[in-house]
């Protein structure tokens, strides 16, 4: 398990997928570390990039902006970005901004990997 800035829990490969598990608050102060990690994961061009938000308690607009950028990068190389385990609070941010219409959001990591 890799620890980075108390926001990154884990990065691992599973088949053609890379799974990045985040934790804590993804806010203006922690987003640069999240951005760096997700961009590095994109540079490997995984067929599927899964971002597990199970342990994320809060996400602000900087976190959303990072995920939008990563979404564009993954689409640019014809991969798939999937989000999973969104808490009610984090999911509501996606719903309010209507970003839930663009992202592939799954209840579990297993669903995100098999979709």
PDB file of N, CA and C in Angstrom:
ATOM      1  N   UNK A   1       0.854  -1.180   0.000  1.00  0.00           N
ATOM      2  CA  UNK A   1       0.000   0.000   0.000  1.00  0.00           C
ATOM      3  C   UNK A   1       0.895   1.236   0.000  1.00  0.00           C
ATOM      4  N   UNK A   2       0.512   2.211  -0.809  1.00  0.00           N
ATOM      5  CA  UNK A   2       1.286   3.432  -0.947  1.00  0.00           C
ATOM      6  C   UNK A   2       0.575   4.560  -0.217  1.00  0.00           C
ATOM      7  N   UNK A   3       1.301   5.326   0.565  1.00  0.00           N
ATOM      8  CA  UNK A   3       0.720   6.482   1.251  1.00  0.00           C
ATOM      9  C   UNK A   3       1.264   7.760   0.626  1.00  0.00           C
ATOM     10  N   UNK A   4       0.383   8.627   0.173  1.00  0.00           N
ATOM     11  CA  UNK A   4       0.781   9.910  -0.379  1.00  0.00           C
ATOM     12  C   UNK A   4      -0.170  10.970   0.157  1.00  0.00           C
ATOM     13  N   UNK A   5       0.329  11.883   0.956  1.00  0.00           N
ATOM     14  CA  UNK A   5      -0.453  13.042   1.400  1.00  0.00           C
ATOM     15  C   UNK A   5      -1.791  12.678   2.055  1.00  0.00           C
ATOM     16  N   UNK A   6      -1.899  11.506   2.652  1.00  0.00           N
ATOM     17  CA  UNK A   6      -3.135  11.073   3.315  1.00  0.00           C
ATOM     18  C   UNK A   6      -4.359  11.085   2.417  1.00  0.00           C
ATOM     19  N   UNK A   7      -4.170  11.151   1.108  1.00  0.00           N
ATOM     20  CA  UNK A   7      -5.296  11.131   0.186  1.00  0.00           C
ATOM     21  C   UNK A   7      -5.279   9.864  -0.642  1.00  0.00           C
ATOM     22  N   UNK A   8      -4.111   9.332  -0.894  1.00  0.00           N
ATOM     23  CA  UNK A   8      -3.970   8.144  -1.715  1.00  0.00           C
ATOM     24  C   UNK A   8      -3.784   6.934  -0.826  1.00  0.00           C
ATOM     25  N   UNK A   9      -4.685   5.976  -0.946  1.00  0.00           N
ATOM     26  CA  UNK A   9      -4.580   4.748  -0.171  1.00  0.00           C
ATOM     27  C   UNK A   9      -3.767   3.692  -0.888  1.00  0.00           C
ATOM     28  N   UNK A  10      -4.013   3.533  -2.196  1.00  0.00           N
ATOM     29  CA  UNK A  10      -3.529   2.345  -2.848  1.00  0.00           C
ATOM     30  C   UNK A  10      -3.608   2.510  -4.365  1.00  0.00           C
ATOM     31  N   UNK A  11      -2.592   1.990  -5.060  1.00  0.00           N
ATOM     32  CA  UNK A  11      -2.630   1.878  -6.520  1.00  0.00           C
ATOM     33  C   UNK A  11      -2.261   0.450  -6.838  1.00  0.00           C
ATOM     34  N   UNK A  12      -3.085  -0.209  -7.635  1.00  0.00           N
ATOM     35  CA  UNK A  12      -2.768  -1.583  -8.003  1.00  0.00           C
ATOM     36  C   UNK A  12      -3.309  -1.917  -9.392  1.00  0.00           C
ATOM     37  N   UNK A  13      -2.712  -2.914  -9.992  1.00  0.00           N
ATOM     38  CA  UNK A  13      -3.151  -3.404 -11.295  1.00  0.00           C
ATOM     39  C   UNK A  13      -3.956  -4.676 -11.081  1.00  0.00           C
ATOM     40  N   UNK A  14      -4.990  -4.814 -11.879  1.00  0.00           N
ATOM     41  CA  UNK A  14      -5.772  -6.050 -11.880  1.00  0.00           C
ATOM     42  C   UNK A  14      -6.181  -6.298 -13.324  1.00  0.00           C
ATOM     43  N   UNK A  15      -5.542  -7.247 -13.961  1.00  0.00           N
ATOM     44  CA  UNK A  15      -5.801  -7.508 -15.370  1.00  0.00           C
ATOM     45  C   UNK A  15      -5.426  -6.294 -16.197  1.00  0.00           C
ATOM     46  N   UNK A  16      -6.371  -5.811 -17.008  1.00  0.00           N
ATOM     47  CA  UNK A  16      -6.152  -4.635 -17.853  1.00  0.00           C
ATOM     48  C   UNK A  16      -6.522  -3.333 -17.163  1.00  0.00           C
ATOM     49  N   UNK A  17      -6.768  -3.399 -15.869  1.00  0.00           N
ATOM     50  CA  UNK A  17      -7.235  -2.222 -15.130  1.00  0.00           C
ATOM     51  C   UNK A  17      -6.193  -1.747 -14.127  1.00  0.00           C
ATOM     52  N   UNK A  18      -6.213  -0.443 -13.899  1.00  0.00           N
ATOM     53  CA  UNK A  18      -5.480   0.154 -12.795  1.00  0.00           C
ATOM     54  C   UNK A  18      -6.511   0.703 -11.824  1.00  0.00           C
ATOM     55  N   UNK A  19      -6.349   0.379 -10.562  1.00  0.00           N
ATOM     56  CA  UNK A  19      -7.277   0.831  -9.522  1.00  0.00           C
ATOM     57  C   UNK A  19      -6.527   1.784  -8.608  1.00  0.00           C
ATOM     58  N   UNK A  20      -7.103   2.967  -8.436  1.00  0.00           N
ATOM     59  CA  UNK A  20      -6.547   3.975  -7.539  1.00  0.00           C
ATOM     60  C   UNK A  20      -7.583   4.213  -6.452  1.00  0.00           C
ATOM     61  N   UNK A  21      -7.222   3.919  -5.211  1.00  0.00           N
ATOM     62  CA  UNK A  21      -8.127   4.128  -4.080  1.00  0.00           C
ATOM     63  C   UNK A  21      -7.711   5.403  -3.358  1.00  0.00           C
ATOM     64  N   UNK A  22      -8.644   6.317  -3.206  1.00  0.00           N
ATOM     65  CA  UNK A  22      -8.398   7.585  -2.532  1.00  0.00           C
ATOM     66  C   UNK A  22      -9.068   7.582  -1.164  1.00  0.00           C
ATOM     67  N   UNK A  23      -8.635   8.498  -0.304  1.00  0.00           N
ATOM     68  CA  UNK A  23      -9.257   8.605   1.013  1.00  0.00           C
ATOM     69  C   UNK A  23      -9.196  10.044   1.500  1.00  0.00           C
ATOM     70  N   UNK A  24      -9.969  10.302   2.540  1.00  0.00           N
ATOM     71  CA  UNK A  24      -9.966  11.620   3.167  1.00  0.00           C
ATOM     72  C   UNK A  24     -10.737  12.652   2.369  1.00  0.00           C
ATOM     73  N   UNK A  25     -10.269  13.875   2.447  1.00  0.00           N
ATOM     74  CA  UNK A  25     -10.918  14.991   1.760  1.00  0.00           C
ATOM     75  C   UNK A  25     -10.111  15.340   0.511  1.00  0.00           C
ATOM     76  N   UNK A  26     -10.765  15.286  -0.626  1.00  0.00           N
ATOM     77  CA  UNK A  26     -10.128  15.666  -1.883  1.00  0.00           C
ATOM     78  C   UNK A  26     -10.503  17.128  -2.105  1.00  0.00           C
ATOM     79  N   UNK A  27      -9.638  17.999  -1.577  1.00  0.00           N
ATOM     80  CA  UNK A  27      -9.912  19.430  -1.625  1.00  0.00           C
ATOM     81  C   UNK A  27      -8.729  20.165  -2.253  1.00  0.00           C
ATOM     82  N   UNK A  28      -8.784  21.474  -2.239  1.00  0.00           N
ATOM     83  CA  UNK A  28      -7.771  22.310  -2.878  1.00  0.00           C
ATOM     84  C   UNK A  28      -6.360  21.973  -2.403  1.00  0.00           C
ATOM     85  N   UNK A  29      -6.215  21.613  -1.141  1.00  0.00           N
ATOM     86  CA  UNK A  29      -4.893  21.334  -0.590  1.00  0.00           C
ATOM     87  C   UNK A  29      -4.365  19.957  -0.989  1.00  0.00           C
ATOM     88  N   UNK A  30      -5.261  19.005  -1.181  1.00  0.00           N
ATOM     89  CA  UNK A  30      -4.829  17.638  -1.475  1.00  0.00           C
ATOM     90  C   UNK A  30      -4.955  17.268  -2.942  1.00  0.00           C
ATOM     91  N   UNK A  31      -5.657  18.079  -3.721  1.00  0.00           N
ATOM     92  CA  UNK A  31      -5.864  17.761  -5.126  1.00  0.00           C
ATOM     93  C   UNK A  31      -4.560  17.665  -5.929  1.00  0.00           C
ATOM     94  N   UNK A  32      -3.542  18.488  -5.688  1.00  0.00           N
ATOM     95  CA  UNK A  32      -2.310  18.329  -6.487  1.00  0.00           C
ATOM     96  C   UNK A  32      -1.708  16.923  -6.414  1.00  0.00           C
ATOM     97  N   UNK A  33      -1.716  16.299  -5.254  1.00  0.00           N
ATOM     98  CA  UNK A  33      -1.192  14.940  -5.121  1.00  0.00           C
ATOM     99  C   UNK A  33      -2.083  13.938  -5.858  1.00  0.00           C
ATOM    100  N   UNK A  34      -3.393  14.137  -5.764  1.00  0.00           N
ATOM    101  CA  UNK A  34      -4.332  13.268  -6.468  1.00  0.00           C
ATOM    102  C   UNK A  34      -4.140  13.431  -7.968  1.00  0.00           C
ATOM    103  N   UNK A  35      -4.024  14.666  -8.424  1.00  0.00           N
ATOM    104  CA  UNK A  35      -3.827  14.951  -9.844  1.00  0.00           C
ATOM    105  C   UNK A  35      -2.577  14.246 -10.361  1.00  0.00           C
ATOM    106  N   UNK A  36      -1.479  14.402  -9.649  1.00  0.00           N
ATOM    107  CA  UNK A  36      -0.214  13.800 -10.062  1.00  0.00           C
ATOM    108  C   UNK A  36      -0.348  12.274 -10.178  1.00  0.00           C
ATOM    109  N   UNK A  37      -0.954  11.664  -9.200  1.00  0.00           N
ATOM    110  CA  UNK A  37      -1.130  10.212  -9.193  1.00  0.00           C
ATOM    111  C   UNK A  37      -2.000   9.744 -10.347  1.00  0.00           C
ATOM    112  N   UNK A  38      -3.120  10.420 -10.569  1.00  0.00           N
ATOM    113  CA  UNK A  38      -4.037   9.993 -11.627  1.00  0.00           C
ATOM    114  C   UNK A  38      -3.444  10.232 -13.010  1.00  0.00           C
ATOM    115  N   UNK A  39      -2.718  11.325 -13.188  1.00  0.00           N
ATOM    116  CA  UNK A  39      -2.067  11.583 -14.476  1.00  0.00           C
ATOM    117  C   UNK A  39      -1.003  10.516 -14.742  1.00  0.00           C
ATOM    118  N   UNK A  40      -0.236  10.160 -13.725  1.00  0.00           N
ATOM    119  CA  UNK A  40       0.761   9.100 -13.891  1.00  0.00           C
ATOM    120  C   UNK A  40       0.098   7.772 -14.248  1.00  0.00           C
ATOM    121  N   UNK A  41      -1.042   7.485 -13.642  1.00  0.00           N
ATOM    122  CA  UNK A  41      -1.777   6.263 -13.982  1.00  0.00           C
ATOM    123  C   UNK A  41      -2.248   6.305 -15.431  1.00  0.00           C
ATOM    124  N   UNK A  42      -2.689   7.470 -15.895  1.00  0.00           N
ATOM    125  CA  UNK A  42      -3.136   7.630 -17.286  1.00  0.00           C
ATOM    126  C   UNK A  42      -1.998   7.420 -18.276  1.00  0.00           C
ATOM    127  N   UNK A  43      -0.804   7.823 -17.896  1.00  0.00           N
ATOM    128  CA  UNK A  43       0.352   7.697 -18.786  1.00  0.00           C
ATOM    129  C   UNK A  43       0.662   6.241 -19.112  1.00  0.00           C
ATOM    130  N   UNK A  44       0.199   5.321 -18.279  1.00  0.00           N
ATOM    131  CA  UNK A  44       0.381   3.886 -18.543  1.00  0.00           C
ATOM    132  C   UNK A  44      -0.684   3.342 -19.503  1.00  0.00           C
ATOM    133  N   UNK A  45      -1.682   4.176 -19.825  1.00  0.00           N
ATOM    134  CA  UNK A  45      -2.790   3.831 -20.730  1.00  0.00           C
ATOM    135  C   UNK A  45      -3.512   2.532 -20.344  1.00  0.00           C
ATOM    136  N   UNK A  46      -3.953   2.432 -19.086  1.00  0.00           N
ATOM    137  CA  UNK A  46      -4.709   1.227 -18.732  1.00  0.00           C
ATOM    138  C   UNK A  46      -6.019   1.203 -19.515  1.00  0.00           C
ATOM    139  N   UNK A  47      -6.449   0.018 -19.876  1.00  0.00           N
ATOM    140  CA  UNK A  47      -7.719  -0.122 -20.594  1.00  0.00           C
ATOM    141  C   UNK A  47      -8.863   0.462 -19.758  1.00  0.00           C
ATOM    142  N   UNK A  48      -8.787   0.223 -18.443  1.00  0.00           N
ATOM    143  CA  UNK A  48      -9.805   0.722 -17.513  1.00  0.00           C
ATOM    144  C   UNK A  48      -9.077   1.320 -16.312  1.00  0.00           C
ATOM    145  N   UNK A  49      -9.430   2.555 -15.990  1.00  0.00           N
ATOM    146  CA  UNK A  49      -8.917   3.207 -14.787  1.00  0.00           C
ATOM    147  C   UNK A  49     -10.090   3.326 -13.821  1.00  0.00           C
ATOM    148  N   UNK A  50      -9.963   2.676 -12.680  1.00  0.00           N
ATOM    149  CA  UNK A  50     -11.014   2.688 -11.667  1.00  0.00           C
ATOM    150  C   UNK A  50     -10.538   3.547 -10.507  1.00  0.00           C
ATOM    151  N   UNK A  51     -11.335   4.536 -10.143  1.00  0.00           N
ATOM    152  CA  UNK A  51     -11.036   5.384  -8.997  1.00  0.00           C
ATOM    153  C   UNK A  51     -12.027   5.017  -7.898  1.00  0.00           C
ATOM    154  N   UNK A  52     -11.501   4.402  -6.853  1.00  0.00           N
ATOM    155  CA  UNK A  52     -12.324   3.955  -5.734  1.00  0.00           C
ATOM    156  C   UNK A  52     -12.371   5.083  -4.702  1.00  0.00           C
ATOM    157  N   UNK A  53     -13.560   5.602  -4.475  1.00  0.00           N
ATOM    158  CA  UNK A  53     -13.765   6.741  -3.568  1.00  0.00           C
ATOM    159  C   UNK A  53     -14.396   6.317  -2.241  1.00  0.00           C
ATOM    160  N   UNK A  54     -14.279   5.046  -1.917  1.00  0.00           N
ATOM    161  CA  UNK A  54     -14.912   4.504  -0.714  1.00  0.00           C
ATOM    162  C   UNK A  54     -14.569   5.289   0.548  1.00  0.00           C
ATOM    163  N   UNK A  55     -13.310   5.686   0.684  1.00  0.00           N
ATOM    164  CA  UNK A  55     -12.870   6.359   1.897  1.00  0.00           C
ATOM    165  C   UNK A  55     -12.754   7.869   1.741  1.00  0.00           C
ATOM    166  N   UNK A  56     -13.366   8.421   0.693  1.00  0.00           N
ATOM    167  CA  UNK A  56     -13.365   9.877   0.485  1.00  0.00           C
ATOM    168  C   UNK A  56     -14.596  10.450   1.176  1.00  0.00           C
ATOM    169  N   UNK A  57     -14.360  11.335   2.109  1.00  0.00           N
ATOM    170  CA  UNK A  57     -15.466  11.917   2.875  1.00  0.00           C
ATOM    171  C   UNK A  57     -15.965  13.231   2.288  1.00  0.00           C
ATOM    172  N   UNK A  58     -15.135  13.858   1.448  1.00  0.00           N
ATOM    173  CA  UNK A  58     -15.498  15.175   0.909  1.00  0.00           C
ATOM    174  C   UNK A  58     -14.729  15.395  -0.381  1.00  0.00           C
ATOM    175  N   UNK A  59     -15.375  16.042  -1.356  1.00  0.00           N
ATOM    176  CA  UNK A  59     -14.702  16.428  -2.587  1.00  0.00           C
ATOM    177  C   UNK A  59     -15.214  17.793  -2.998  1.00  0.00           C
ATOM    178  N   UNK A  60     -14.277  18.716  -3.283  1.00  0.00           N
ATOM    179  CA  UNK A  60     -14.675  20.047  -3.734  1.00  0.00           C
ATOM    180  C   UNK A  60     -14.476  20.169  -5.238  1.00  0.00           C
ATOM    181  N   UNK A  61     -14.645  21.380  -5.758  1.00  0.00           N
ATOM    182  CA  UNK A  61     -14.585  21.597  -7.207  1.00  0.00           C
ATOM    183  C   UNK A  61     -13.207  21.292  -7.786  1.00  0.00           C
ATOM    184  N   UNK A  62     -12.155  21.444  -6.997  1.00  0.00           N
ATOM    185  CA  UNK A  62     -10.820  21.119  -7.508  1.00  0.00           C
ATOM    186  C   UNK A  62     -10.695  19.612  -7.732  1.00  0.00           C
ATOM    187  N   UNK A  63     -11.289  18.829  -6.874  1.00  0.00           N
ATOM    188  CA  UNK A  63     -11.306  17.379  -7.059  1.00  0.00           C
ATOM    189  C   UNK A  63     -12.121  16.988  -8.274  1.00  0.00           C
ATOM    190  N   UNK A  64     -13.277  17.631  -8.443  1.00  0.00           N
ATOM    191  CA  UNK A  64     -14.091  17.367  -9.631  1.00  0.00           C
ATOM    192  C   UNK A  64     -13.335  17.743 -10.901  1.00  0.00           C
ATOM    193  N   UNK A  65     -12.664  18.884 -10.871  1.00  0.00           N
ATOM    194  CA  UNK A  65     -11.899  19.333 -12.036  1.00  0.00           C
ATOM    195  C   UNK A  65     -10.816  18.341 -12.407  1.00  0.00           C
ATOM    196  N   UNK A  66     -10.158  17.787 -11.407  1.00  0.00           N
ATOM    197  CA  UNK A  66      -9.136  16.776 -11.662  1.00  0.00           C
ATOM    198  C   UNK A  66      -9.744  15.542 -12.308  1.00  0.00           C
ATOM    199  N   UNK A  67     -10.877  15.097 -11.818  1.00  0.00           N
ATOM    200  CA  UNK A  67     -11.518  13.920 -12.396  1.00  0.00           C
ATOM    201  C   UNK A  67     -11.998  14.186 -13.821  1.00  0.00           C
ATOM    202  N   UNK A  68     -12.468  15.397 -14.101  1.00  0.00           N
ATOM    203  CA  UNK A  68     -12.863  15.744 -15.468  1.00  0.00           C
ATOM    204  C   UNK A  68     -11.640  15.691 -16.387  1.00  0.00           C
ATOM    205  N   UNK A  69     -10.522  16.243 -15.938  1.00  0.00           N
ATOM    206  CA  UNK A  69      -9.302  16.199 -16.745  1.00  0.00           C
ATOM    207  C   UNK A  69      -8.868  14.752 -17.002  1.00  0.00           C
ATOM    208  N   UNK A  70      -8.907  13.925 -15.975  1.00  0.00           N
ATOM    209  CA  UNK A  70      -8.526  12.526 -16.121  1.00  0.00           C
ATOM    210  C   UNK A  70      -9.496  11.808 -17.065  1.00  0.00           C
ATOM    211  N   UNK A  71     -10.771  12.118 -16.966  1.00  0.00           N
ATOM    212  CA  UNK A  71     -11.782  11.562 -17.866  1.00  0.00           C
ATOM    213  C   UNK A  71     -11.410  11.867 -19.316  1.00  0.00           C
ATOM    214  N   UNK A  72     -11.024  13.105 -19.589  1.00  0.00           N
ATOM    215  CA  UNK A  72     -10.633  13.497 -20.953  1.00  0.00           C
ATOM    216  C   UNK A  72      -9.370  12.770 -21.401  1.00  0.00           C
ATOM    217  N   UNK A  73      -8.407  12.641 -20.520  1.00  0.00           N
ATOM    218  CA  UNK A  73      -7.166  11.923 -20.863  1.00  0.00           C
ATOM    219  C   UNK A  73      -7.460  10.463 -21.210  1.00  0.00           C
ATOM    220  N   UNK A  74      -8.254   9.813 -20.368  1.00  0.00           N
ATOM    221  CA  UNK A  74      -8.571   8.401 -20.593  1.00  0.00           C
ATOM    222  C   UNK A  74      -9.362   8.243 -21.890  1.00  0.00           C
ATOM    223  N   UNK A  75     -10.322   9.105 -22.125  1.00  0.00           N
ATOM    224  CA  UNK A  75     -11.072   9.042 -23.380  1.00  0.00           C
ATOM    225  C   UNK A  75     -10.158   9.301 -24.574  1.00  0.00           C
ATOM    226  N   UNK A  76      -9.150  10.150 -24.393  1.00  0.00           N
ATOM    227  CA  UNK A  76      -8.219  10.477 -25.465  1.00  0.00           C
ATOM    228  C   UNK A  76      -7.443   9.277 -25.971  1.00  0.00           C
ATOM    229  N   UNK A  77      -7.159   8.327 -25.105  1.00  0.00           N
ATOM    230  CA  UNK A  77      -6.472   7.121 -25.566  1.00  0.00           C
ATOM    231  C   UNK A  77      -7.445   5.933 -25.676  1.00  0.00           C
ATOM    232  N   UNK A  78      -8.751   6.230 -25.645  1.00  0.00           N
ATOM    233  CA  UNK A  78      -9.831   5.253 -25.839  1.00  0.00           C
ATOM    234  C   UNK A  78      -9.929   4.227 -24.711  1.00  0.00           C
ATOM    235  N   UNK A  79      -9.590   4.664 -23.501  1.00  0.00           N
ATOM    236  CA  UNK A  79      -9.781   3.823 -22.333  1.00  0.00           C
ATOM    237  C   UNK A  79     -11.114   4.169 -21.674  1.00  0.00           C
ATOM    238  N   UNK A  80     -11.333   3.583 -20.520  1.00  0.00           N
ATOM    239  CA  UNK A  80     -12.562   3.819 -19.759  1.00  0.00           C
ATOM    240  C   UNK A  80     -12.200   4.228 -18.340  1.00  0.00           C
ATOM    241  N   UNK A  81     -12.847   5.272 -17.865  1.00  0.00           N
ATOM    242  CA  UNK A  81     -12.701   5.701 -16.475  1.00  0.00           C
ATOM    243  C   UNK A  81     -13.969   5.306 -15.732  1.00  0.00           C
ATOM    244  N   UNK A  82     -13.800   4.665 -14.601  1.00  0.00           N
ATOM    245  CA  UNK A  82     -14.936   4.272 -13.773  1.00  0.00           C
ATOM    246  C   UNK A  82     -14.697   4.749 -12.353  1.00  0.00           C
ATOM    247  N   UNK A  83     -15.750   5.258 -11.726  1.00  0.00           N
ATOM    248  CA  UNK A  83     -15.712   5.666 -10.322  1.00  0.00           C
ATOM    249  C   UNK A  83     -16.563   4.680  -9.526  1.00  0.00           C
ATOM    250  N   UNK A  84     -16.156   4.407  -8.306  1.00  0.00           N
ATOM    251  CA  UNK A  84     -16.968   3.499  -7.500  1.00  0.00           C
ATOM    252  C   UNK A  84     -16.945   3.899  -6.030  1.00  0.00           C
ATOM    253  N   UNK A  85     -17.916   3.348  -5.318  1.00  0.00           N
ATOM    254  CA  UNK A  85     -18.049   3.525  -3.863  1.00  0.00           C
ATOM    255  C   UNK A  85     -18.180   4.995  -3.459  1.00  0.00           C
ATOM    256  N   UNK A  86     -18.996   5.759  -4.166  1.00  0.00           N
ATOM    257  CA  UNK A  86     -19.190   7.156  -3.787  1.00  0.00           C
ATOM    258  C   UNK A  86     -20.120   7.229  -2.581  1.00  0.00           C
ATOM    259  N   UNK A  87     -19.707   7.969  -1.574  1.00  0.00           N
ATOM    260  CA  UNK A  87     -20.593   8.190  -0.427  1.00  0.00           C
ATOM    261  C   UNK A  87     -21.752   9.065  -0.895  1.00  0.00           C
ATOM    262  N   UNK A  88     -22.782   9.143  -0.100  1.00  0.00           N
ATOM    263  CA  UNK A  88     -23.933   9.982  -0.432  1.00  0.00           C
ATOM    264  C   UNK A  88     -23.497  11.432  -0.621  1.00  0.00           C
ATOM    265  N   UNK A  89     -22.618  11.888   0.247  1.00  0.00           N
ATOM    266  CA  UNK A  89     -22.152  13.284   0.182  1.00  0.00           C
ATOM    267  C   UNK A  89     -21.368  13.557  -1.103  1.00  0.00           C
ATOM    268  N   UNK A  90     -20.459  12.656  -1.461  1.00  0.00           N
ATOM    269  CA  UNK A  90     -19.661  12.842  -2.672  1.00  0.00           C
ATOM    270  C   UNK A  90     -20.540  12.666  -3.908  1.00  0.00           C
ATOM    271  N   UNK A  91     -21.410  11.689  -3.897  1.00  0.00           N
ATOM    272  CA  UNK A  91     -22.296  11.469  -5.052  1.00  0.00           C
ATOM    273  C   UNK A  91     -23.180  12.696  -5.301  1.00  0.00           C
ATOM    274  N   UNK A  92     -23.621  13.350  -4.242  1.00  0.00           N
ATOM    275  CA  UNK A  92     -24.486  14.521  -4.410  1.00  0.00           C
ATOM    276  C   UNK A  92     -23.765  15.647  -5.153  1.00  0.00           C
ATOM    277  N   UNK A  93     -22.453  15.751  -4.970  1.00  0.00           N
ATOM    278  CA  UNK A  93     -21.673  16.759  -5.706  1.00  0.00           C
ATOM    279  C   UNK A  93     -21.719  16.453  -7.199  1.00  0.00           C
ATOM    280  N   UNK A  94     -21.610  15.182  -7.561  1.00  0.00           N
ATOM    281  CA  UNK A  94     -21.695  14.791  -8.969  1.00  0.00           C
ATOM    282  C   UNK A  94     -23.092  15.040  -9.519  1.00  0.00           C
ATOM    283  N   UNK A  95     -24.114  14.787  -8.718  1.00  0.00           N
ATOM    284  CA  UNK A  95     -25.492  14.999  -9.157  1.00  0.00           C
ATOM    285  C   UNK A  95     -25.821  16.481  -9.312  1.00  0.00           C
ATOM    286  N   UNK A  96     -25.392  17.300  -8.368  1.00  0.00           N
ATOM    287  CA  UNK A  96     -25.659  18.740  -8.433  1.00  0.00           C
ATOM    288  C   UNK A  96     -25.019  19.357  -9.674  1.00  0.00           C
ATOM    289  N   UNK A  97     -23.809  18.902 -10.006  1.00  0.00           N
ATOM    290  CA  UNK A  97     -23.088  19.438 -11.169  1.00  0.00           C
ATOM    291  C   UNK A  97     -23.461  18.714 -12.461  1.00  0.00           C
ATOM    292  N   UNK A  98     -24.315  17.709 -12.347  1.00  0.00           N
ATOM    293  CA  UNK A  98     -24.755  16.885 -13.476  1.00  0.00           C
ATOM    294  C   UNK A  98     -23.625  16.062 -14.085  1.00  0.00           C
ATOM    295  N   UNK A  99     -22.516  15.942 -13.375  1.00  0.00           N
ATOM    296  CA  UNK A  99     -21.402  15.135 -13.871  1.00  0.00           C
ATOM    297  C   UNK A  99     -21.689  13.642 -13.765  1.00  0.00           C
ATOM    298  N   UNK A 100     -22.708  13.270 -12.986  1.00  0.00           N
ATOM    299  CA  UNK A 100     -23.091  11.860 -12.914  1.00  0.00           C
ATOM    300  C   UNK A 100     -23.578  11.341 -14.258  1.00  0.00           C
ATOM    301  N   UNK A 101     -23.911  12.249 -15.190  1.00  0.00           N
ATOM    302  CA  UNK A 101     -24.345  11.860 -16.531  1.00  0.00           C
ATOM    303  C   UNK A 101     -23.173  11.498 -17.437  1.00  0.00           C
ATOM    304  N   UNK A 102     -21.978  11.934 -17.080  1.00  0.00           N
ATOM    305  CA  UNK A 102     -20.800  11.717 -17.915  1.00  0.00           C
ATOM    306  C   UNK A 102     -19.899  10.613 -17.396  1.00  0.00           C
ATOM    307  N   UNK A 103     -19.820  10.480 -16.088  1.00  0.00           N
ATOM    308  CA  UNK A 103     -18.946   9.478 -15.497  1.00  0.00           C
ATOM    309  C   UNK A 103     -19.664   8.142 -15.377  1.00  0.00           C
ATOM    310  N   UNK A 104     -18.899   7.069 -15.509  1.00  0.00           N
ATOM    311  CA  UNK A 104     -19.400   5.726 -15.225  1.00  0.00           C
ATOM    312  C   UNK A 104     -19.236   5.531 -13.719  1.00  0.00           C
ATOM    313  N   UNK A 105     -20.360   5.485 -13.009  1.00  0.00           N
ATOM    314  CA  UNK A 105     -20.337   5.380 -11.549  1.00  0.00           C
ATOM    315  C   UNK A 105     -20.953   4.048 -11.142  1.00  0.00           C
ATOM    316  N   UNK A 106     -20.222   3.316 -10.313  1.00  0.00           N
ATOM    317  CA  UNK A 106     -20.654   1.992  -9.887  1.00  0.00           C
ATOM    318  C   UNK A 106     -20.682   1.906  -8.367  1.00  0.00           C
ATOM    319  N   UNK A 107     -21.518   1.025  -7.863  1.00  0.00           N
ATOM    320  CA  UNK A 107     -21.655   0.864  -6.413  1.00  0.00           C
ATOM    321  C   UNK A 107     -20.407   0.214  -5.812  1.00  0.00           C
ATOM    322  N   UNK A 108     -19.815  -0.747  -6.534  1.00  0.00           N
ATOM    323  CA  UNK A 108     -18.685  -1.479  -5.986  1.00  0.00           C
ATOM    324  C   UNK A 108     -17.517  -1.490  -6.975  1.00  0.00           C
ATOM    325  N   UNK A 109     -16.357  -1.807  -6.449  1.00  0.00           N
ATOM    326  CA  UNK A 109     -15.163  -1.931  -7.298  1.00  0.00           C
ATOM    327  C   UNK A 109     -15.323  -3.116  -8.263  1.00  0.00           C
ATOM    328  N   UNK A 110     -15.922  -4.179  -7.798  1.00  0.00           N
ATOM    329  CA  UNK A 110     -16.130  -5.348  -8.643  1.00  0.00           C
ATOM    330  C   UNK A 110     -16.992  -5.010  -9.852  1.00  0.00           C
ATOM    331  N   UNK A 111     -18.072  -4.232  -9.633  1.00  0.00           N
ATOM    332  CA  UNK A 111     -18.921  -3.806 -10.741  1.00  0.00           C
ATOM    333  C   UNK A 111     -18.154  -2.915 -11.696  1.00  0.00           C
ATOM    334  N   UNK A 112     -17.340  -2.008 -11.167  1.00  0.00           N
ATOM    335  CA  UNK A 112     -16.555  -1.100 -12.009  1.00  0.00           C
ATOM    336  C   UNK A 112     -15.558  -1.868 -12.865  1.00  0.00           C
ATOM    337  N   UNK A 113     -15.007  -2.933 -12.331  1.00  0.00           N
ATOM    338  CA  UNK A 113     -14.042  -3.734 -13.075  1.00  0.00           C
ATOM    339  C   UNK A 113     -14.687  -4.616 -14.134  1.00  0.00           C
ATOM    340  N   UNK A 114     -15.904  -5.056 -13.875  1.00  0.00           N
ATOM    341  CA  UNK A 114     -16.541  -6.005 -14.797  1.00  0.00           C
ATOM    342  C   UNK A 114     -17.448  -5.353 -15.836  1.00  0.00           C
ATOM    343  N   UNK A 115     -17.724  -4.089 -15.685  1.00  0.00           N
ATOM    344  CA  UNK A 115     -18.650  -3.417 -16.626  1.00  0.00           C
ATOM    345  C   UNK A 115     -18.016  -3.216 -17.989  1.00  0.00           C
TER     346      UNK A 115
END
